[in-house]
Amino acid sequence: MAQAKVAAKIAFVGFPRVGKSTLLKMVQGYKPPLDYKPTIGLDIGSTRLCENVNGVIWDIGGQKNFQPLWDSFLKGANLIVTVTDSTPKNVLQTKQMLNILARKQNTRIIAIANKQDMDGHMSAERVENILQVPTYPMVAIEEKNKDNFHLFIIEELIKATEPEEGDNDGN
């Protein structure tokens, strides 16, 4: 008997120019663009994560005029992925954003420390220490990272659906 396919909503959120759209293109199997084109509002794409799970990825515009819409766009997400460009300034800005998101959202949040190939970047471990959420290193312009992305997203989706310690089924 065939298992039903599941669609998981994954929301990318972060400030402008951190690589959210490039990451979306990479995981869809498209050659990542090397020129910057800001996302106007929202871009939605999908990718097959494994045999029975499709990821529906919401790439949410990071410009200030779209930030008031983030709560609406994040509603119903199975996983929120904050993307940072791994610079000290952006990581600190992302920490402030995460503090707000964590208070408003009851969804698992992880981070991608993108642009690990750039001079002056912070390591993913250092970014994780500051953000206090699981953080994965990434260079989104390298198509070879697609499989690693799928693996850690699947792992994180499993963690997002596991009951937290101390949850009793009403007992």
C-alpha atoms as a PDB file:
ATOM      1  CA  MET A   1       0.000   0.000   0.000  1.00  0.00           C
ATOM      2  CA  ALA A   2       1.459   3.377  -1.018  1.00  0.00           C
ATOM      3  CA  GLN A   3       2.058   5.974   1.672  1.00  0.00           C
ATOM      4  CA  ALA A   4       0.462   9.389   1.305  1.00  0.00           C
ATOM      5  CA  LYS A   5       2.726  12.245   0.323  1.00  0.00           C
ATOM      6  CA  VAL A   6       3.212  14.978   2.879  1.00  0.00           C
ATOM      7  CA  ALA A   7       3.831  18.646   2.107  1.00  0.00           C
ATOM      8  CA  ALA A   8       5.886  20.501   4.700  1.00  0.00           C
ATOM      9  CA  LYS A   9       5.824  24.309   4.793  1.00  0.00           C
ATOM     10  CA  ILE A  10       9.320  25.669   5.291  1.00  0.00           C
ATOM     11  CA  ALA A  11       9.706  29.437   5.654  1.00  0.00           C
ATOM     12  CA  PHE A  12      12.976  31.222   4.852  1.00  0.00           C
ATOM     13  CA  VAL A  13      13.261  34.527   6.677  1.00  0.00           C
ATOM     14  CA  GLY A  14      16.122  36.969   7.009  1.00  0.00           C
ATOM     15  CA  PHE A  15      17.321  40.399   6.071  1.00  0.00           C
ATOM     16  CA  PRO A  16      18.023  41.486   2.472  1.00  0.00           C
ATOM     17  CA  ARG A  17      21.041  40.113   0.617  1.00  0.00           C
ATOM     18  CA  VAL A  18      21.685  37.090   2.851  1.00  0.00           C
ATOM     19  CA  GLY A  19      20.947  34.480   0.164  1.00  0.00           C
ATOM     20  CA  LYS A  20      17.375  33.281   0.793  1.00  0.00           C
ATOM     21  CA  SER A  21      16.411  33.352  -2.899  1.00  0.00           C
ATOM     22  CA  THR A  22      19.738  31.839  -3.948  1.00  0.00           C
ATOM     23  CA  LEU A  23      19.163  29.035  -1.443  1.00  0.00           C
ATOM     24  CA  LEU A  24      15.651  28.461  -2.810  1.00  0.00           C
ATOM     25  CA  LYS A  25      16.987  28.186  -6.375  1.00  0.00           C
ATOM     26  CA  MET A  26      19.780  25.839  -5.278  1.00  0.00           C
ATOM     27  CA  VAL A  27      17.446  23.403  -3.519  1.00  0.00           C
ATOM     28  CA  GLN A  28      15.110  23.382  -6.523  1.00  0.00           C
ATOM     29  CA  GLY A  29      18.014  22.310  -8.721  1.00  0.00           C
ATOM     30  CA  TYR A  30      18.347  25.598 -10.603  1.00  0.00           C
ATOM     31  CA  LYS A  31      21.672  27.274 -11.135  1.00  0.00           C
ATOM     32  CA  PRO A  32      21.811  29.873  -8.380  1.00  0.00           C
ATOM     33  CA  PRO A  33      21.852  33.445  -9.689  1.00  0.00           C
ATOM     34  CA  LEU A  34      24.967  35.477  -8.948  1.00  0.00           C
ATOM     35  CA  ASP A  35      23.244  38.855  -9.306  1.00  0.00           C
ATOM     36  CA  TYR A  36      21.047  40.355  -6.597  1.00  0.00           C
ATOM     37  CA  LYS A  37      17.331  40.736  -7.255  1.00  0.00           C
ATOM     38  CA  PRO A  38      15.326  41.477  -4.114  1.00  0.00           C
ATOM     39  CA  THR A  39      12.303  39.319  -3.384  1.00  0.00           C
ATOM     40  CA  ILE A  40       9.205  41.467  -3.637  1.00  0.00           C
ATOM     41  CA  GLY A  41       6.980  40.168  -0.854  1.00  0.00           C
ATOM     42  CA  LEU A  42       7.110  36.431  -1.276  1.00  0.00           C
ATOM     43  CA  ASP A  43       8.414  33.734  -3.600  1.00  0.00           C
ATOM     44  CA  ILE A  44       7.216  30.153  -3.242  1.00  0.00           C
ATOM     45  CA  GLY A  45       8.968  27.088  -4.568  1.00  0.00           C
ATOM     46  CA  SER A  46       8.941  23.383  -3.888  1.00  0.00           C
ATOM     47  CA  THR A  47      11.397  20.539  -3.743  1.00  0.00           C
ATOM     48  CA  ARG A  48      11.154  16.824  -3.114  1.00  0.00           C
ATOM     49  CA  LEU A  49      12.943  16.203   0.158  1.00  0.00           C
ATOM     50  CA  CYS A  50      12.507  12.424   0.181  1.00  0.00           C
ATOM     51  CA  GLU A  51      10.158   9.804  -1.236  1.00  0.00           C
ATOM     52  CA  ASN A  52       7.049  10.906   0.642  1.00  0.00           C
ATOM     53  CA  VAL A  53       7.863  14.479   1.649  1.00  0.00           C
ATOM     54  CA  ASN A  54       7.705  17.568  -0.525  1.00  0.00           C
ATOM     55  CA  GLY A  55       8.987  20.827   0.889  1.00  0.00           C
ATOM     56  CA  VAL A  56       6.982  23.914   0.025  1.00  0.00           C
ATOM     57  CA  ILE A  57       9.439  26.725   0.641  1.00  0.00           C
ATOM     58  CA  TRP A  58       8.310  30.274   1.304  1.00  0.00           C
ATOM     59  CA  ASP A  59      11.075  32.798   0.599  1.00  0.00           C
ATOM     60  CA  ILE A  60       9.901  35.874   2.483  1.00  0.00           C
ATOM     61  CA  GLY A  61      11.186  39.312   1.448  1.00  0.00           C
ATOM     62  CA  GLY A  62      13.518  40.817   4.010  1.00  0.00           C
ATOM     63  CA  GLN A  63      13.050  44.521   3.282  1.00  0.00           C
ATOM     64  CA  LYS A  64      11.639  46.635   6.122  1.00  0.00           C
ATOM     65  CA  ASN A  65       8.334  47.261   4.319  1.00  0.00           C
ATOM     66  CA  PHE A  66       7.653  43.476   4.212  1.00  0.00           C
ATOM     67  CA  GLN A  67       8.608  42.706   7.816  1.00  0.00           C
ATOM     68  CA  PRO A  68       5.115  43.514   9.189  1.00  0.00           C
ATOM     69  CA  LEU A  69       3.819  40.687   6.936  1.00  0.00           C
ATOM     70  CA  TRP A  70       6.183  38.062   8.346  1.00  0.00           C
ATOM     71  CA  ASP A  71       3.723  36.835  10.995  1.00  0.00           C
ATOM     72  CA  SER A  72       1.075  36.145   8.353  1.00  0.00           C
ATOM     73  CA  PHE A  73       3.545  34.449   6.019  1.00  0.00           C
ATOM     74  CA  LEU A  74       4.986  32.301   8.835  1.00  0.00           C
ATOM     75  CA  LYS A  75       1.595  31.054   9.996  1.00  0.00           C
ATOM     76  CA  GLY A  76       1.302  27.299   9.498  1.00  0.00           C
ATOM     77  CA  ALA A  77       5.019  26.750   8.878  1.00  0.00           C
ATOM     78  CA  ASN A  78       6.412  23.409   9.989  1.00  0.00           C
ATOM     79  CA  LEU A  79       9.912  24.885  10.159  1.00  0.00           C
ATOM     80  CA  ILE A  80      11.281  28.430  10.141  1.00  0.00           C
ATOM     81  CA  VAL A  81      14.744  28.795   8.634  1.00  0.00           C
ATOM     82  CA  THR A  82      16.504  32.061   9.409  1.00  0.00           C
ATOM     83  CA  VAL A  83      19.231  32.847   6.921  1.00  0.00           C
ATOM     84  CA  THR A  84      22.225  35.002   7.820  1.00  0.00           C
ATOM     85  CA  ASP A  85      25.184  36.031   5.694  1.00  0.00           C
ATOM     86  CA  SER A  86      27.545  35.104   8.572  1.00  0.00           C
ATOM     87  CA  THR A  87      28.888  38.645   9.057  1.00  0.00           C
ATOM     88  CA  PRO A  88      29.031  39.847  12.667  1.00  0.00           C
ATOM     89  CA  LYS A  89      26.635  42.747  11.960  1.00  0.00           C
ATOM     90  CA  ASN A  90      24.032  40.545  10.258  1.00  0.00           C
ATOM     91  CA  VAL A  91      24.290  37.817  12.890  1.00  0.00           C
ATOM     92  CA  LEU A  92      23.555  40.359  15.653  1.00  0.00           C
ATOM     93  CA  GLN A  93      20.604  41.760  13.651  1.00  0.00           C
ATOM     94  CA  THR A  94      19.358  38.208  13.129  1.00  0.00           C
ATOM     95  CA  LYS A  95      19.596  37.551  16.882  1.00  0.00           C
ATOM     96  CA  GLN A  96      17.240  40.492  17.495  1.00  0.00           C
ATOM     97  CA  MET A  97      14.866  39.188  14.813  1.00  0.00           C
ATOM     98  CA  LEU A  98      14.953  35.687  16.353  1.00  0.00           C
ATOM     99  CA  ASN A  99      14.061  37.056  19.774  1.00  0.00           C
ATOM    100  CA  ILE A 100      10.896  38.576  18.272  1.00  0.00           C
ATOM    101  CA  LEU A 101      10.043  35.491  16.174  1.00  0.00           C
ATOM    102  CA  ALA A 102      10.514  33.107  19.100  1.00  0.00           C
ATOM    103  CA  ARG A 103       8.013  35.085  21.188  1.00  0.00           C
ATOM    104  CA  LYS A 104       5.407  35.128  18.389  1.00  0.00           C
ATOM    105  CA  GLN A 105       5.820  31.739  16.717  1.00  0.00           C
ATOM    106  CA  ASN A 106       5.330  28.271  18.175  1.00  0.00           C
ATOM    107  CA  THR A 107       7.405  26.654  15.444  1.00  0.00           C
ATOM    108  CA  ARG A 108      10.868  25.096  15.410  1.00  0.00           C
ATOM    109  CA  ILE A 109      13.455  27.653  14.277  1.00  0.00           C
ATOM    110  CA  ILE A 110      16.873  26.870  12.833  1.00  0.00           C
ATOM    111  CA  ALA A 111      19.490  29.013  11.101  1.00  0.00           C
ATOM    112  CA  ILE A 112      21.645  28.797   8.036  1.00  0.00           C
ATOM    113  CA  ALA A 113      25.035  30.496   8.283  1.00  0.00           C
ATOM    114  CA  ASN A 114      25.279  31.279   4.581  1.00  0.00           C
ATOM    115  CA  LYS A 115      28.207  32.739   2.641  1.00  0.00           C
ATOM    116  CA  GLN A 116      30.774  30.644   4.484  1.00  0.00           C
ATOM    117  CA  ASP A 117      33.095  31.254   1.525  1.00  0.00           C
ATOM    118  CA  MET A 118      33.294  35.018   2.093  1.00  0.00           C
ATOM    119  CA  ASP A 119      36.190  36.784   3.810  1.00  0.00           C
ATOM    120  CA  GLY A 120      35.405  37.788   7.371  1.00  0.00           C
ATOM    121  CA  HIS A 121      32.588  35.285   7.874  1.00  0.00           C
ATOM    122  CA  MET A 122      31.806  33.821  11.269  1.00  0.00           C
ATOM    123  CA  SER A 123      31.859  30.031  11.565  1.00  0.00           C
ATOM    124  CA  ALA A 124      28.514  28.255  11.822  1.00  0.00           C
ATOM    125  CA  GLU A 125      29.466  27.191  15.362  1.00  0.00           C
ATOM    126  CA  ARG A 126      30.029  30.806  16.401  1.00  0.00           C
ATOM    127  CA  VAL A 127      26.767  31.872  14.739  1.00  0.00           C
ATOM    128  CA  GLU A 128      24.950  29.086  16.601  1.00  0.00           C
ATOM    129  CA  ASN A 129      26.439  30.225  19.922  1.00  0.00           C
ATOM    130  CA  ILE A 130      25.064  33.719  19.323  1.00  0.00           C
ATOM    131  CA  LEU A 131      21.681  32.791  17.837  1.00  0.00           C
ATOM    132  CA  GLN A 132      21.035  29.891  20.234  1.00  0.00           C
ATOM    133  CA  VAL A 133      19.298  27.798  17.550  1.00  0.00           C
ATOM    134  CA  PRO A 134      20.659  24.849  15.537  1.00  0.00           C
ATOM    135  CA  THR A 135      22.790  26.388  12.779  1.00  0.00           C
ATOM    136  CA  TYR A 136      24.099  24.847   9.579  1.00  0.00           C
ATOM    137  CA  PRO A 137      26.971  26.145   7.435  1.00  0.00           C
ATOM    138  CA  MET A 138      26.142  26.870   3.794  1.00  0.00           C
ATOM    139  CA  VAL A 139      27.450  28.308   0.557  1.00  0.00           C
ATOM    140  CA  ALA A 140      24.196  28.605  -1.398  1.00  0.00           C
ATOM    141  CA  ILE A 141      25.893  29.336  -4.723  1.00  0.00           C
ATOM    142  CA  GLU A 142      27.421  25.829  -4.668  1.00  0.00           C
ATOM    143  CA  GLU A 143      24.902  23.410  -6.164  1.00  0.00           C
ATOM    144  CA  LYS A 144      26.631  20.460  -4.469  1.00  0.00           C
ATOM    145  CA  ASN A 145      25.093  21.597  -1.156  1.00  0.00           C
ATOM    146  CA  LYS A 146      21.574  20.602  -2.229  1.00  0.00           C
ATOM    147  CA  ASP A 147      21.798  17.060  -0.834  1.00  0.00           C
ATOM    148  CA  ASN A 148      23.193  18.243   2.519  1.00  0.00           C
ATOM    149  CA  PHE A 149      20.402  20.808   2.719  1.00  0.00           C
ATOM    150  CA  HIS A 150      17.764  18.122   2.117  1.00  0.00           C
ATOM    151  CA  LEU A 151      19.275  15.894   4.821  1.00  0.00           C
ATOM    152  CA  PHE A 152      19.365  18.494   7.557  1.00  0.00           C
ATOM    153  CA  ILE A 153      15.930  19.870   6.652  1.00  0.00           C
ATOM    154  CA  ILE A 154      14.451  16.351   6.899  1.00  0.00           C
ATOM    155  CA  GLU A 155      16.176  15.861  10.280  1.00  0.00           C
ATOM    156  CA  GLU A 156      14.848  19.200  11.515  1.00  0.00           C
ATOM    157  CA  LEU A 157      11.310  18.499  10.264  1.00  0.00           C
ATOM    158  CA  ILE A 158      11.365  15.222  12.215  1.00  0.00           C
ATOM    159  CA  LYS A 159      12.496  17.102  15.337  1.00  0.00           C
ATOM    160  CA  ALA A 160       9.791  19.722  14.739  1.00  0.00           C
ATOM    161  CA  THR A 161       7.082  17.060  14.814  1.00  0.00           C
ATOM    162  CA  GLU A 162       8.375  15.132  17.838  1.00  0.00           C
ATOM    163  CA  PRO A 163       6.505  15.806  21.074  1.00  0.00           C
ATOM    164  CA  GLU A 164       8.519  17.823  23.566  1.00  0.00           C
ATOM    165  CA  GLU A 165       9.720  16.142  26.754  1.00  0.00           C
ATOM    166  CA  GLY A 166       7.074  16.241  29.411  1.00  0.00           C
ATOM    167  CA  ASP A 167       4.168  16.219  26.941  1.00  0.00           C
ATOM    168  CA  ASN A 168       1.609  13.667  28.047  1.00  0.00           C
ATOM    169  CA  ASP A 169      -1.236  12.850  25.756  1.00  0.00           C
ATOM    170  CA  GLY A 170      -3.662  14.540  28.127  1.00  0.00           C
ATOM    171  CA  ASN A 171      -2.675  12.357  31.096  1.00  0.00           C
END
